[in-house]
N, C-alpha and C. Protein backbone atom coordinates (compact mmCIF):
# COMPACT_ATOMS: atom_id res chain seq x y z
N MET A 1 176.95 136.07 122.46
CA MET A 1 176.85 135.06 123.48
C MET A 1 176.06 133.87 122.90
N ILE A 2 176.53 132.68 123.17
CA ILE A 2 175.87 131.45 122.74
C ILE A 2 175.58 130.61 123.98
N ILE A 3 174.34 130.14 124.11
CA ILE A 3 173.97 129.24 125.20
C ILE A 3 173.58 127.91 124.58
N PHE A 4 174.22 126.85 125.05
CA PHE A 4 174.01 125.51 124.52
C PHE A 4 173.47 124.61 125.63
N GLU A 5 172.38 123.89 125.35
CA GLU A 5 171.85 122.92 126.29
C GLU A 5 172.14 121.52 125.74
N PRO A 6 173.06 120.77 126.37
CA PRO A 6 173.40 119.44 125.86
C PRO A 6 172.16 118.53 125.83
N THR A 7 172.05 117.74 124.77
CA THR A 7 170.92 116.80 124.67
C THR A 7 171.15 115.56 125.51
N ASN A 8 172.41 115.19 125.72
CA ASN A 8 172.75 114.06 126.59
C ASN A 8 173.29 114.59 127.90
N GLN A 9 172.80 114.04 128.99
CA GLN A 9 173.28 114.45 130.30
C GLN A 9 174.74 114.03 130.48
N MET A 10 175.58 114.97 130.93
CA MET A 10 176.99 114.67 131.19
C MET A 10 177.26 114.89 132.67
N GLU A 11 177.67 113.81 133.35
CA GLU A 11 177.99 113.93 134.77
C GLU A 11 179.42 114.40 134.94
N VAL A 12 179.61 115.26 135.93
CA VAL A 12 180.93 115.82 136.22
C VAL A 12 181.18 115.83 137.72
N ASP A 13 182.46 115.80 138.07
CA ASP A 13 182.87 116.05 139.45
C ASP A 13 183.17 117.54 139.56
N THR A 14 182.57 118.20 140.56
CA THR A 14 182.77 119.63 140.77
C THR A 14 183.31 119.85 142.18
N PRO A 15 183.74 121.06 142.50
CA PRO A 15 184.16 121.35 143.88
C PRO A 15 183.04 121.15 144.90
N LYS A 16 181.78 121.16 144.47
CA LYS A 16 180.64 120.98 145.37
C LYS A 16 180.10 119.55 145.35
N GLY A 17 180.74 118.64 144.60
CA GLY A 17 180.29 117.26 144.52
C GLY A 17 179.87 116.88 143.10
N ARG A 18 179.32 115.69 142.97
CA ARG A 18 178.90 115.17 141.66
C ARG A 18 177.71 115.96 141.15
N GLY A 19 177.77 116.32 139.86
CA GLY A 19 176.68 117.08 139.27
C GLY A 19 176.52 116.75 137.80
N SER A 20 175.58 117.41 137.17
CA SER A 20 175.31 117.26 135.75
C SER A 20 175.39 118.61 135.07
N ILE A 21 175.97 118.64 133.88
CA ILE A 21 176.01 119.87 133.11
C ILE A 21 174.62 120.15 132.56
N TRP A 22 174.12 121.33 132.83
CA TRP A 22 172.79 121.72 132.39
C TRP A 22 172.89 122.65 131.18
N LEU A 23 173.76 123.65 131.25
CA LEU A 23 173.96 124.60 130.16
C LEU A 23 175.45 124.89 129.98
N VAL A 24 175.81 125.25 128.75
CA VAL A 24 177.16 125.73 128.45
C VAL A 24 177.00 127.11 127.82
N THR A 25 177.66 128.10 128.39
CA THR A 25 177.56 129.47 127.88
C THR A 25 178.92 129.91 127.36
N GLU A 26 178.92 130.44 126.14
CA GLU A 26 180.15 130.96 125.55
C GLU A 26 179.93 132.44 125.27
N TYR A 27 180.80 133.28 125.85
CA TYR A 27 180.65 134.73 125.73
C TYR A 27 181.47 135.31 124.59
N GLY A 28 182.38 134.55 124.02
CA GLY A 28 183.21 135.06 122.93
C GLY A 28 184.58 134.43 122.94
N THR A 29 185.40 134.85 122.00
CA THR A 29 186.70 134.21 121.81
C THR A 29 187.70 134.47 122.93
N GLU A 30 187.56 135.55 123.66
CA GLU A 30 188.55 135.86 124.69
C GLU A 30 188.05 135.57 126.10
N THR A 31 186.99 134.80 126.21
CA THR A 31 186.42 134.44 127.51
C THR A 31 186.20 132.94 127.55
N GLU A 32 186.51 132.33 128.69
CA GLU A 32 186.28 130.89 128.84
C GLU A 32 184.80 130.55 128.80
N LYS A 33 184.51 129.33 128.38
CA LYS A 33 183.14 128.83 128.47
C LYS A 33 182.76 128.68 129.94
N ILE A 34 181.49 128.84 130.24
CA ILE A 34 180.98 128.66 131.59
C ILE A 34 180.02 127.48 131.56
N PHE A 35 180.24 126.52 132.46
CA PHE A 35 179.39 125.34 132.56
C PHE A 35 178.47 125.50 133.76
N THR A 36 177.17 125.50 133.51
CA THR A 36 176.18 125.57 134.57
C THR A 36 175.82 124.14 134.95
N CYS A 37 176.06 123.80 136.22
CA CYS A 37 175.88 122.42 136.70
C CYS A 37 174.85 122.37 137.82
N ILE A 38 174.09 121.28 137.83
CA ILE A 38 173.16 121.01 138.93
C ILE A 38 173.81 119.96 139.81
N ILE A 39 174.00 120.26 141.09
CA ILE A 39 174.63 119.36 142.03
C ILE A 39 173.60 118.32 142.48
N LYS A 40 173.94 117.05 142.34
CA LYS A 40 172.98 115.96 142.59
C LYS A 40 172.49 115.91 144.04
N ASP A 41 173.38 116.02 145.01
CA ASP A 41 173.00 115.86 146.41
C ASP A 41 172.16 117.01 146.96
N THR A 42 172.39 118.22 146.47
CA THR A 42 171.73 119.38 147.06
C THR A 42 170.73 120.08 146.16
N GLY A 43 170.82 119.81 144.84
CA GLY A 43 169.96 120.51 143.90
C GLY A 43 170.41 121.93 143.60
N GLU A 44 171.53 122.33 144.17
CA GLU A 44 172.06 123.67 143.92
C GLU A 44 172.54 123.79 142.48
N ILE A 45 172.51 125.01 141.97
CA ILE A 45 173.01 125.29 140.63
C ILE A 45 174.23 126.18 140.78
N TRP A 46 175.36 125.73 140.18
CA TRP A 46 176.61 126.46 140.24
C TRP A 46 177.19 126.59 138.84
N GLU A 47 177.98 127.64 138.63
CA GLU A 47 178.66 127.83 137.37
C GLU A 47 180.15 127.64 137.58
N TYR A 48 180.78 126.91 136.62
CA TYR A 48 182.20 126.58 136.73
C TYR A 48 182.93 126.85 135.43
N ARG A 49 184.21 127.12 135.56
CA ARG A 49 185.09 127.20 134.40
C ARG A 49 185.57 125.79 134.08
N PRO A 50 186.05 125.55 132.86
CA PRO A 50 186.48 124.20 132.48
C PRO A 50 187.52 123.58 133.41
N LYS A 51 188.43 124.38 133.94
CA LYS A 51 189.49 123.83 134.80
C LYS A 51 188.96 123.36 136.16
N ASP A 52 187.73 123.74 136.51
CA ASP A 52 187.18 123.41 137.82
C ASP A 52 186.35 122.12 137.85
N ILE A 53 186.04 121.56 136.69
CA ILE A 53 185.21 120.36 136.64
C ILE A 53 185.91 119.26 135.85
N ARG A 54 185.52 118.01 136.13
CA ARG A 54 186.06 116.85 135.41
C ARG A 54 184.92 115.91 135.07
N ILE A 55 184.88 115.48 133.83
CA ILE A 55 183.86 114.53 133.37
C ILE A 55 184.10 113.19 134.06
N VAL A 56 183.06 112.43 134.32
CA VAL A 56 183.20 111.14 135.00
C VAL A 56 183.14 110.00 134.00
N ASN A 57 183.50 108.81 134.46
CA ASN A 57 183.50 107.62 133.61
C ASN A 57 182.13 107.36 133.01
N ASN A 58 182.15 106.88 131.77
CA ASN A 58 180.94 106.40 131.12
C ASN A 58 181.39 105.34 130.12
N LEU A 59 181.37 104.09 130.55
CA LEU A 59 181.87 103.01 129.72
C LEU A 59 181.04 102.82 128.45
N THR A 60 179.76 103.17 128.50
CA THR A 60 178.91 103.07 127.31
C THR A 60 179.45 103.93 126.18
N PHE A 61 179.96 105.11 126.52
CA PHE A 61 180.50 106.02 125.52
C PHE A 61 182.02 105.89 125.38
N GLY A 62 182.61 104.85 125.98
CA GLY A 62 184.03 104.62 125.86
C GLY A 62 184.89 105.58 126.65
N ARG A 63 184.33 106.17 127.70
CA ARG A 63 185.08 107.12 128.52
C ARG A 63 185.47 106.43 129.81
N ASN A 64 186.70 105.92 129.87
CA ASN A 64 187.20 105.21 131.03
C ASN A 64 188.39 105.98 131.60
N ILE A 65 188.08 106.90 132.50
CA ILE A 65 189.10 107.76 133.11
C ILE A 65 189.61 107.05 134.35
N LYS A 66 190.92 106.93 134.46
CA LYS A 66 191.49 106.18 135.57
C LYS A 66 191.16 106.80 136.93
N GLU A 67 191.25 108.12 137.03
CA GLU A 67 191.01 108.78 138.32
C GLU A 67 190.54 110.19 138.09
N ASN A 68 189.43 110.57 138.72
CA ASN A 68 188.92 111.94 138.65
C ASN A 68 189.38 112.68 139.90
N LYS A 69 189.98 113.84 139.71
CA LYS A 69 190.39 114.68 140.83
C LYS A 69 189.89 116.07 140.65
């Protein structure tokens, strides 16, 4: 198991609202990565699979996504 804490905060849209990725956990080659996110409005901590979250725009880093769903 590998646990990675990103040095740069990455904002994402989650099923619970806008949040930030706090940790990324990888359990091995046959298991999806798990993203631990802190929800901005509530302070709750939730874990999501990659298909459940979407990174948000960040023009500074050249990330201009037309629409997040």
